[in-house]
């Protein structure tokens, strides 16, 4: 379980850096874990799968980036 949290934190951190998002370690872990779930769902729907931990991290980063993008669309400032 500790390894999953560490990989989730790494995945969330990478996605945050790629998307220019700001957030702490808890947000990164949540984004990374949720992004991994979303990324794995989308990848399996497309018939793509990860063969190792690097592939899993890349799929997770893609899912987390997608979550950040959707969050920006949903919660953008309405001025």
N, C-alpha and C. Protein backbone atom coordinates (compact mmCIF):
# COMPACT_ATOMS: atom_id res chain seq x y z
N UNK A 1 0.82 -1.19 0.00
CA UNK A 1 0.00 0.00 0.00
C UNK A 1 0.87 1.25 0.00
N UNK A 2 1.98 1.21 0.70
CA UNK A 2 2.89 2.35 0.73
C UNK A 2 3.46 2.61 -0.66
N UNK A 3 3.76 1.55 -1.41
CA UNK A 3 4.27 1.71 -2.77
C UNK A 3 3.21 2.36 -3.65
N UNK A 4 1.94 1.99 -3.50
CA UNK A 4 0.87 2.60 -4.28
C UNK A 4 0.74 4.08 -3.98
N UNK A 5 0.86 4.45 -2.71
CA UNK A 5 0.79 5.87 -2.35
C UNK A 5 1.97 6.65 -2.92
N UNK A 6 3.15 6.05 -2.86
CA UNK A 6 4.33 6.71 -3.42
C UNK A 6 4.22 6.87 -4.94
N UNK A 7 3.75 5.83 -5.61
CA UNK A 7 3.55 5.93 -7.06
C UNK A 7 2.44 6.92 -7.38
N UNK A 8 1.40 6.96 -6.56
CA UNK A 8 0.33 7.94 -6.74
C UNK A 8 0.83 9.36 -6.57
N UNK A 9 1.68 9.57 -5.57
CA UNK A 9 2.26 10.90 -5.35
C UNK A 9 3.15 11.30 -6.52
N UNK A 10 3.96 10.35 -7.01
CA UNK A 10 4.83 10.63 -8.15
C UNK A 10 4.00 10.95 -9.39
N UNK A 11 2.97 10.17 -9.62
CA UNK A 11 2.10 10.38 -10.77
C UNK A 11 1.41 11.74 -10.70
N UNK A 12 0.85 12.07 -9.54
CA UNK A 12 0.19 13.36 -9.36
C UNK A 12 1.16 14.52 -9.49
N UNK A 13 2.38 14.36 -8.96
CA UNK A 13 3.38 15.41 -9.05
C UNK A 13 3.78 15.65 -10.51
N UNK A 14 4.01 14.57 -11.26
CA UNK A 14 4.37 14.70 -12.67
C UNK A 14 3.25 15.38 -13.47
N UNK A 15 2.02 14.97 -13.22
CA UNK A 15 0.89 15.58 -13.92
C UNK A 15 0.76 17.05 -13.56
N UNK A 16 0.95 17.38 -12.29
CA UNK A 16 0.89 18.78 -11.86
C UNK A 16 1.95 19.63 -12.52
N UNK A 17 3.16 19.09 -12.65
CA UNK A 17 4.25 19.81 -13.32
C UNK A 17 3.94 19.99 -14.81
N UNK A 18 3.44 18.95 -15.45
CA UNK A 18 3.12 19.05 -16.87
C UNK A 18 2.00 20.06 -17.15
N UNK A 19 1.02 20.12 -16.24
CA UNK A 19 -0.14 20.98 -16.45
C UNK A 19 0.01 22.34 -15.77
N UNK A 20 1.12 22.59 -15.08
CA UNK A 20 1.31 23.86 -14.40
C UNK A 20 0.36 24.06 -13.25
N UNK A 21 0.01 22.98 -12.58
CA UNK A 21 -0.93 23.02 -11.46
C UNK A 21 -0.18 23.16 -10.15
N UNK A 22 -0.83 23.78 -9.19
CA UNK A 22 -0.22 23.94 -7.87
C UNK A 22 -0.99 23.08 -6.87
N UNK A 23 -0.29 22.50 -5.94
CA UNK A 23 -0.95 21.69 -4.94
C UNK A 23 0.06 20.98 -4.06
N UNK A 24 -0.40 20.52 -2.93
CA UNK A 24 0.46 19.85 -1.97
C UNK A 24 0.53 18.36 -2.20
N UNK A 25 1.18 17.68 -1.28
CA UNK A 25 1.40 16.24 -1.41
C UNK A 25 0.10 15.45 -1.35
N UNK A 26 -0.84 15.88 -0.51
CA UNK A 26 -2.13 15.16 -0.41
C UNK A 26 -2.89 15.27 -1.72
N UNK A 27 -2.92 16.47 -2.28
CA UNK A 27 -3.60 16.66 -3.57
C UNK A 27 -2.92 15.84 -4.66
N UNK A 28 -1.59 15.79 -4.64
CA UNK A 28 -0.87 15.01 -5.64
C UNK A 28 -1.18 13.52 -5.52
N UNK A 29 -1.25 13.02 -4.29
CA UNK A 29 -1.58 11.60 -4.10
C UNK A 29 -2.99 11.30 -4.60
N UNK A 30 -3.93 12.16 -4.25
CA UNK A 30 -5.32 11.95 -4.69
C UNK A 30 -5.41 12.02 -6.21
N UNK A 31 -4.79 13.04 -6.81
CA UNK A 31 -4.80 13.16 -8.27
C UNK A 31 -4.12 11.97 -8.93
N UNK A 32 -3.01 11.54 -8.36
CA UNK A 32 -2.29 10.42 -8.94
C UNK A 32 -3.08 9.12 -8.88
N UNK A 33 -3.69 8.84 -7.74
CA UNK A 33 -4.47 7.61 -7.62
C UNK A 33 -5.73 7.65 -8.48
N UNK A 34 -6.44 8.77 -8.44
CA UNK A 34 -7.64 8.90 -9.27
C UNK A 34 -7.26 8.92 -10.75
N UNK A 35 -6.16 9.60 -11.07
CA UNK A 35 -5.70 9.65 -12.46
C UNK A 35 -5.29 8.29 -12.97
N UNK A 36 -4.70 7.48 -12.12
CA UNK A 36 -4.34 6.12 -12.51
C UNK A 36 -5.58 5.30 -12.83
N UNK A 37 -6.61 5.45 -12.02
CA UNK A 37 -7.86 4.73 -12.27
C UNK A 37 -8.49 5.17 -13.59
N UNK A 38 -8.55 6.48 -13.82
CA UNK A 38 -9.12 7.02 -15.05
C UNK A 38 -8.27 6.60 -16.25
N UNK A 39 -6.95 6.75 -16.11
CA UNK A 39 -6.05 6.38 -17.20
C UNK A 39 -6.13 4.91 -17.56
N UNK A 40 -6.19 4.05 -16.54
CA UNK A 40 -6.30 2.61 -16.79
C UNK A 40 -7.63 2.26 -17.45
N UNK A 41 -8.69 2.92 -17.05
CA UNK A 41 -10.00 2.68 -17.66
C UNK A 41 -9.98 3.05 -19.14
N UNK A 42 -9.45 4.25 -19.43
CA UNK A 42 -9.40 4.71 -20.82
C UNK A 42 -8.46 3.84 -21.64
N UNK A 43 -7.30 3.51 -21.09
CA UNK A 43 -6.34 2.67 -21.81
C UNK A 43 -6.92 1.29 -22.11
N UNK A 44 -7.59 0.70 -21.14
CA UNK A 44 -8.17 -0.63 -21.39
C UNK A 44 -9.32 -0.56 -22.39
N UNK A 45 -10.05 0.56 -22.40
CA UNK A 45 -11.11 0.74 -23.39
C UNK A 45 -10.54 0.83 -24.80
N UNK A 46 -9.32 1.38 -24.91
CA UNK A 46 -8.66 1.50 -26.20
C UNK A 46 -7.83 0.27 -26.56
N UNK A 47 -7.78 -0.70 -25.66
CA UNK A 47 -7.02 -1.92 -25.89
C UNK A 47 -5.53 -1.78 -25.61
N UNK A 48 -5.17 -0.79 -24.80
CA UNK A 48 -3.77 -0.56 -24.45
C UNK A 48 -3.57 -0.95 -23.00
N UNK A 49 -2.44 -1.55 -22.71
CA UNK A 49 -2.15 -1.93 -21.33
C UNK A 49 -0.70 -1.67 -20.99
N UNK A 50 -0.43 -1.48 -19.73
CA UNK A 50 0.94 -1.26 -19.27
C UNK A 50 1.60 -2.60 -18.98
N UNK A 51 2.84 -2.74 -19.40
CA UNK A 51 3.57 -3.98 -19.16
C UNK A 51 4.51 -3.89 -17.98
N UNK A 52 4.78 -2.66 -17.51
CA UNK A 52 5.68 -2.48 -16.37
C UNK A 52 5.28 -1.23 -15.60
N UNK A 53 6.03 -0.91 -14.57
CA UNK A 53 5.67 0.22 -13.71
C UNK A 53 5.82 1.56 -14.45
N UNK A 54 6.76 1.65 -15.38
CA UNK A 54 6.91 2.89 -16.14
C UNK A 54 5.67 3.13 -16.99
N UNK A 55 5.16 2.10 -17.62
CA UNK A 55 3.94 2.22 -18.40
C UNK A 55 2.75 2.60 -17.54
N UNK A 56 2.68 2.03 -16.35
CA UNK A 56 1.60 2.35 -15.41
C UNK A 56 1.67 3.82 -14.98
N UNK A 57 2.88 4.30 -14.76
CA UNK A 57 3.04 5.71 -14.36
C UNK A 57 2.64 6.62 -15.51
N UNK A 58 3.03 6.28 -16.74
CA UNK A 58 2.67 7.11 -17.89
C UNK A 58 1.15 7.14 -18.10
N UNK A 59 0.51 6.01 -17.96
CA UNK A 59 -0.95 5.96 -18.09
C UNK A 59 -1.60 6.76 -16.96
N UNK A 60 -1.07 6.64 -15.75
CA UNK A 60 -1.58 7.40 -14.62
C UNK A 60 -1.40 8.89 -14.79
N UNK A 61 -0.25 9.31 -15.31
CA UNK A 61 -0.01 10.73 -15.56
C UNK A 61 -1.00 11.26 -16.60
N UNK A 62 -1.24 10.49 -17.63
CA UNK A 62 -2.22 10.89 -18.64
C UNK A 62 -3.61 11.06 -18.04
N UNK A 63 -4.01 10.12 -17.19
CA UNK A 63 -5.31 10.21 -16.54
C UNK A 63 -5.39 11.39 -15.58
N UNK A 64 -4.31 11.63 -14.83
CA UNK A 64 -4.29 12.77 -13.90
C UNK A 64 -4.32 14.09 -14.65
N UNK A 65 -3.61 14.17 -15.78
CA UNK A 65 -3.66 15.39 -16.61
C UNK A 65 -5.07 15.62 -17.12
N UNK A 66 -5.75 14.56 -17.49
CA UNK A 66 -7.13 14.68 -17.94
C UNK A 66 -8.02 15.18 -16.80
N UNK A 67 -7.81 14.67 -15.59
CA UNK A 67 -8.59 15.14 -14.45
C UNK A 67 -8.33 16.61 -14.15
N UNK A 68 -7.07 17.05 -14.25
CA UNK A 68 -6.75 18.45 -14.03
C UNK A 68 -7.46 19.31 -15.08
N UNK A 69 -7.44 18.87 -16.33
CA UNK A 69 -8.08 19.62 -17.41
C UNK A 69 -9.59 19.73 -17.19
N UNK A 70 -10.22 18.63 -16.83
CA UNK A 70 -11.66 18.65 -16.56
C UNK A 70 -11.98 19.53 -15.36
N UNK A 71 -11.14 19.46 -14.32
CA UNK A 71 -11.33 20.31 -13.15
C UNK A 71 -11.23 21.78 -13.50
N UNK A 72 -10.31 22.12 -14.38
CA UNK A 72 -10.19 23.52 -14.82
C UNK A 72 -11.43 23.95 -15.58
N UNK A 73 -11.97 23.09 -16.42
CA UNK A 73 -13.18 23.44 -17.16
C UNK A 73 -14.37 23.61 -16.23
N UNK A 74 -14.50 22.75 -15.25
CA UNK A 74 -15.65 22.79 -14.35
C UNK A 74 -15.59 23.94 -13.35
N UNK A 75 -14.41 24.25 -12.87
CA UNK A 75 -14.29 25.20 -11.78
C UNK A 75 -13.55 26.49 -12.17
N UNK A 76 -13.66 26.87 -13.43
CA UNK A 76 -12.98 28.10 -13.84
C UNK A 76 -13.71 29.31 -13.28
N UNK A 77 -12.94 30.40 -13.08
CA UNK A 77 -13.51 31.62 -12.54
C UNK A 77 -14.48 32.23 -13.54
N UNK A 78 -15.62 32.62 -13.04
CA UNK A 78 -16.65 33.24 -13.90
C UNK A 78 -16.74 34.71 -13.54
N UNK A 79 -15.93 35.51 -14.22
CA UNK A 79 -15.88 36.94 -13.92
C UNK A 79 -16.60 37.73 -14.97
